[in-house]
Protein backbone atom coordinates (compact mmCIF):
# COMPACT_ATOMS: atom_id res chain seq x y z
CA MET A 1 -30.41 16.93 22.55
CA GLU A 2 -28.39 15.92 25.75
CA ASP A 3 -29.07 12.52 25.52
CA ALA A 4 -26.60 11.77 23.01
CA PHE A 5 -23.02 11.05 22.59
CA TRP A 6 -21.01 11.71 19.37
CA SER A 7 -17.88 10.24 17.90
CA ARG A 8 -16.28 10.47 14.47
CA SER A 9 -17.41 6.79 13.99
CA TYR A 10 -20.77 6.60 15.46
CA PHE A 11 -23.73 8.19 17.17
CA ILE A 12 -25.51 7.04 20.48
CA ALA A 13 -28.63 8.42 21.62
CA THR A 14 -30.93 6.97 24.54
CA THR A 15 -34.41 7.02 25.24
CA GLY A 16 -34.94 4.24 27.80
CA GLN A 17 -33.60 3.25 31.16
CA VAL A 18 -30.10 3.04 30.36
CA THR A 19 -28.26 6.29 31.35
CA LEU A 20 -25.89 8.17 28.62
CA ASP A 21 -22.95 7.48 31.37
CA ILE A 22 -23.69 3.81 30.76
CA LEU A 23 -23.67 3.94 26.95
CA LYS A 24 -20.40 5.83 27.35
CA ARG A 25 -18.56 3.36 29.58
CA TYR A 26 -20.12 0.41 27.26
CA VAL A 27 -18.35 2.33 24.27
CA ARG A 28 -15.19 3.05 25.78
CA VAL A 29 -14.85 -0.76 26.73
CA LYS A 30 -15.88 -2.02 23.66
CA MET A 31 -13.84 0.31 21.29
CA GLN A 32 -10.56 -0.78 22.80
CA LEU A 33 -8.80 -2.41 20.10
CA VAL A 34 -5.20 -2.61 21.36
CA LYS A 35 -3.49 -3.42 24.55
CA LYS A 36 0.05 -2.30 25.24
CA ILE A 37 1.70 -5.00 26.97
CA ARG A 38 5.60 -4.28 28.61
CA ILE A 39 7.55 -7.48 27.57
CA TYR A 40 10.86 -8.06 29.20
CA PRO A 41 12.61 -10.46 26.38
CA THR A 42 15.94 -12.55 27.18
CA LYS A 43 19.08 -11.85 25.22
CA GLU A 44 18.37 -14.50 22.79
CA GLN A 45 14.86 -13.76 22.30
CA VAL A 46 15.67 -10.17 21.19
CA ASP A 47 18.40 -11.63 19.07
CA VAL A 48 15.59 -13.86 17.07
CA LEU A 49 13.61 -10.68 17.20
CA TRP A 50 16.17 -8.84 15.54
CA GLU A 51 16.98 -11.21 12.87
CA ILE A 52 13.42 -11.89 11.90
CA SER A 53 13.02 -8.03 11.54
CA ASP A 54 16.17 -8.29 9.59
CA LYS A 55 14.57 -11.14 7.07
CA CYS A 56 11.28 -8.65 7.00
CA ARG A 57 13.21 -5.83 5.71
CA ILE A 58 14.99 -7.52 3.22
CA VAL A 59 12.04 -9.36 1.95
CA TYR A 60 10.19 -5.81 1.61
CA ASN A 61 13.27 -3.93 -0.12
CA PHE A 62 13.03 -7.42 -2.34
CA ALA A 63 9.66 -6.90 -3.32
CA LEU A 64 9.70 -3.36 -3.37
CA ASN A 65 12.48 -3.91 -6.12
CA ASP A 66 10.42 -6.24 -7.83
CA ARG A 67 7.24 -4.09 -8.38
CA GLN A 68 9.63 -0.75 -9.63
CA ASP A 69 11.50 -2.98 -12.05
CA ALA A 70 7.75 -4.06 -13.20
CA LEU A 71 6.65 -0.53 -13.68
CA GLU A 72 9.99 0.90 -15.02
CA LYS A 73 10.62 -2.09 -17.52
CA GLU A 74 7.66 -3.51 -18.23
CA ALA A 75 5.36 -0.24 -17.73
CA ARG A 76 2.96 -1.99 -15.34
CA SER A 77 2.09 -2.31 -11.68
CA ILE A 78 2.27 -5.54 -9.66
CA LYS A 79 -0.64 -5.83 -7.23
CA TYR A 80 -0.58 -8.09 -4.11
CA THR A 81 -2.43 -11.03 -5.62
CA GLU A 82 0.22 -11.40 -8.63
CA GLN A 83 3.12 -11.06 -6.42
CA GLN A 84 4.40 -14.85 -5.22
CA ILE A 85 7.41 -13.62 -4.03
CA THR A 86 7.72 -15.72 -0.81
CA SER A 87 8.16 -19.30 -2.25
CA ARG A 88 10.49 -18.02 -5.31
CA PHE A 89 12.48 -15.83 -2.75
CA GLN A 90 12.67 -18.84 0.19
CA LYS A 91 13.79 -21.18 -2.65
CA ARG A 92 17.10 -19.07 -3.56
CA ASN A 93 17.57 -18.24 0.22
CA PRO A 94 16.81 -21.35 2.35
CA GLU A 95 17.51 -19.40 5.53
CA PHE A 96 14.42 -17.35 5.03
CA LYS A 97 12.30 -20.22 5.82
CA SER A 98 12.51 -19.73 9.43
CA VAL A 99 9.80 -16.81 9.29
CA TYR A 100 6.25 -17.93 8.60
CA SER A 101 5.19 -17.24 5.52
CA LYS A 102 1.93 -15.45 6.69
CA THR A 103 4.45 -12.44 8.15
CA TYR A 104 5.79 -12.18 4.54
CA GLN A 105 2.37 -12.21 3.29
CA GLY A 106 1.59 -9.58 5.53
CA ILE A 107 4.52 -7.40 4.30
CA LEU A 108 3.69 -7.92 0.71
CA LYS A 109 -0.20 -6.63 1.59
CA LYS A 110 1.23 -3.31 3.33
CA LEU A 111 3.58 -2.84 0.50
CA LYS A 112 2.03 -0.26 -1.98
């Protein structure tokens, strides 16, 4: 079948007036999900990015420790939906309120 285009996630075939080259071009344009952009941050922006990164690392480690403790002491696993770490952590550490809670939630979702 020479009028077909295979990929790991889809199959496209044409039987009409649209050529296979046009379909391939369309797929390449539509499948581009990430665009890399080069940024040139100032010294102050770099400092803020490192500060946010450090806070995210600390929250990740705190959440990981929380899950490991529950597994070792209570023989149960904590799921993302059960772990309300951000509000509890931010109450004890007000300096962590400068990072949006959605950022912390994303960290907890990625934690396995």
